[in-house]
C-alpha atoms as a PDB file:
ATOM      1  CA  UNK A   1      56.039  83.356  -7.407  1.00  0.00           C
ATOM      2  CA  UNK A   2      59.040  83.702  -9.701  1.00  0.00           C
ATOM      3  CA  UNK A   3      58.228  80.338 -11.265  1.00  0.00           C
ATOM      4  CA  UNK A   4      54.670  81.457 -12.138  1.00  0.00           C
ATOM      5  CA  UNK A   5      55.942  84.690 -13.660  1.00  0.00           C
ATOM      6  CA  UNK A   6      58.507  82.860 -15.775  1.00  0.00           C
ATOM      7  CA  UNK A   7      55.799  80.436 -16.979  1.00  0.00           C
ATOM      8  CA  UNK A   8      53.643  83.391 -17.947  1.00  0.00           C
ATOM      9  CA  UNK A   9      56.543  84.953 -19.822  1.00  0.00           C
ATOM     10  CA  UNK A  10      57.279  81.675 -21.623  1.00  0.00           C
ATOM     11  CA  UNK A  11      53.634  81.424 -22.738  1.00  0.00           C
ATOM     12  CA  UNK A  12      53.665  84.952 -24.114  1.00  0.00           C
ATOM     13  CA  UNK A  13      56.986  84.533 -25.924  1.00  0.00           C
ATOM     14  CA  UNK A  14      56.055  81.129 -27.384  1.00  0.00           C
ATOM     15  CA  UNK A  15      52.577  82.138 -28.528  1.00  0.00           C
ATOM     16  CA  UNK A  16      53.788  85.450 -29.924  1.00  0.00           C
ATOM     17  CA  UNK A  17      56.606  83.760 -31.844  1.00  0.00           C
ATOM     18  CA  UNK A  18      54.252  81.196 -33.314  1.00  0.00           C
ATOM     19  CA  UNK A  19      51.814  83.991 -34.171  1.00  0.00           C
ATOM     20  CA  UNK A  20      54.526  85.951 -35.974  1.00  0.00           C
ATOM     21  CA  UNK A  21      55.573  82.912 -38.001  1.00  0.00           C
ATOM     22  CA  UNK A  22      52.037  81.864 -38.918  1.00  0.00           C
ATOM     23  CA  UNK A  23      50.896  85.432 -39.629  1.00  0.00           C
ATOM     24  CA  UNK A  24      53.870  86.183 -41.854  1.00  0.00           C
ATOM     25  CA  UNK A  25      53.518  82.905 -43.739  1.00  0.00           C
ATOM     26  CA  UNK A  26      49.775  83.395 -44.225  1.00  0.00           C
ATOM     27  CA  UNK A  27      50.112  86.904 -45.616  1.00  0.00           C
ATOM     28  CA  UNK A  28      53.016  85.884 -47.807  1.00  0.00           C
ATOM     29  CA  UNK A  29      51.021  82.925 -49.166  1.00  0.00           C
ATOM     30  CA  UNK A  30      48.016  85.181 -49.759  1.00  0.00           C
ATOM     31  CA  UNK A  31      50.167  87.617 -51.703  1.00  0.00           C
ATOM     32  CA  UNK A  32      51.682  84.828 -53.794  1.00  0.00           C
ATOM     33  CA  UNK A  33      48.199  83.469 -54.539  1.00  0.00           C
ATOM     34  CA  UNK A  34      47.095  86.948 -55.553  1.00  0.00           C
ATOM     35  CA  UNK A  35      50.072  87.424 -57.871  1.00  0.00           C
ATOM     36  CA  UNK A  36      49.609  83.973 -59.442  1.00  0.00           C
ATOM     37  CA  UNK A  37      45.992  84.700 -60.370  1.00  0.00           C
ATOM     38  CA  UNK A  38      45.063  84.816 -64.056  1.00  0.00           C
ATOM     39  CA  UNK A  39      44.096  88.479 -63.709  1.00  0.00           C
ATOM     40  CA  UNK A  40      45.792  90.037 -60.661  1.00  0.00           C
ATOM     41  CA  UNK A  41      43.947  92.953 -59.113  1.00  0.00           C
ATOM     42  CA  UNK A  42      45.357  96.457 -59.123  1.00  0.00           C
ATOM     43  CA  UNK A  43      45.630  96.399 -55.319  1.00  0.00           C
ATOM     44  CA  UNK A  44      47.654  93.197 -55.530  1.00  0.00           C
ATOM     45  CA  UNK A  45      50.126  94.730 -57.967  1.00  0.00           C
ATOM     46  CA  UNK A  46      50.617  97.990 -56.061  1.00  0.00           C
ATOM     47  CA  UNK A  47      51.202  96.687 -52.526  1.00  0.00           C
ATOM     48  CA  UNK A  48      54.690  96.223 -51.187  1.00  0.00           C
ATOM     49  CA  UNK A  49      55.259  92.512 -50.424  1.00  0.00           C
ATOM     50  CA  UNK A  50      57.633  93.199 -47.531  1.00  0.00           C
ATOM     51  CA  UNK A  51      55.208  95.653 -45.939  1.00  0.00           C
ATOM     52  CA  UNK A  52      52.338  93.206 -46.423  1.00  0.00           C
ATOM     53  CA  UNK A  53      54.308  90.384 -44.777  1.00  0.00           C
ATOM     54  CA  UNK A  54      55.273  92.661 -41.862  1.00  0.00           C
ATOM     55  CA  UNK A  55      51.603  93.539 -41.481  1.00  0.00           C
ATOM     56  CA  UNK A  56      50.784  89.840 -41.212  1.00  0.00           C
ATOM     57  CA  UNK A  57      53.552  89.328 -38.690  1.00  0.00           C
ATOM     58  CA  UNK A  58      52.223  92.197 -36.584  1.00  0.00           C
ATOM     59  CA  UNK A  59      48.707  90.760 -36.588  1.00  0.00           C
ATOM     60  CA  UNK A  60      50.170  87.375 -35.702  1.00  0.00           C
ATOM     61  CA  UNK A  61      52.117  88.893 -32.824  1.00  0.00           C
ATOM     62  CA  UNK A  62      48.990  90.549 -31.440  1.00  0.00           C
ATOM     63  CA  UNK A  63      46.933  87.378 -31.872  1.00  0.00           C
ATOM     64  CA  UNK A  64      49.638  85.241 -30.251  1.00  0.00           C
ATOM     65  CA  UNK A  65      49.996  87.556 -27.294  1.00  0.00           C
ATOM     66  CA  UNK A  66      46.221  87.619 -26.892  1.00  0.00           C
ATOM     67  CA  UNK A  67      46.110  83.835 -26.984  1.00  0.00           C
ATOM     68  CA  UNK A  68      48.833  83.651 -24.351  1.00  0.00           C
ATOM     69  CA  UNK A  69      46.974  86.068 -22.112  1.00  0.00           C
ATOM     70  CA  UNK A  70      43.784  84.073 -22.527  1.00  0.00           C
ATOM     71  CA  UNK A  71      45.534  80.783 -21.785  1.00  0.00           C
ATOM     72  CA  UNK A  72      47.265  82.102 -18.688  1.00  0.00           C
ATOM     73  CA  UNK A  73      44.039  83.719 -17.483  1.00  0.00           C
ATOM     74  CA  UNK A  74      42.256  80.384 -17.828  1.00  0.00           C
ATOM     75  CA  UNK A  75      45.048  78.535 -16.005  1.00  0.00           C
ATOM     76  CA  UNK A  76      45.017  81.163 -13.273  1.00  0.00           C
ATOM     77  CA  UNK A  77      41.240  80.838 -12.855  1.00  0.00           C
ATOM     78  CA  UNK A  78      41.449  77.026 -12.582  1.00  0.00           C
ATOM     79  CA  UNK A  79      44.217  77.187  -9.976  1.00  0.00           C
ATOM     80  CA  UNK A  80      42.193  79.388  -7.631  1.00  0.00           C
END
């Protein structure tokens, strides 16, 4: 039982970490693309880049944890 719980924890940590990295990189790239535009929008100029990147990391964390839960649920259903 301990082995299954540790596997579950590893899935959540791995997927959440990957989600944080991908989410932060995606939002950072989106912000850079917005700033490099010929005519940047007013919203693009007024948002805080650090806050925007943290927002992306948060969404990535939630998406990664959700993916881990879905993957472990599917594995659990197949093992029954």
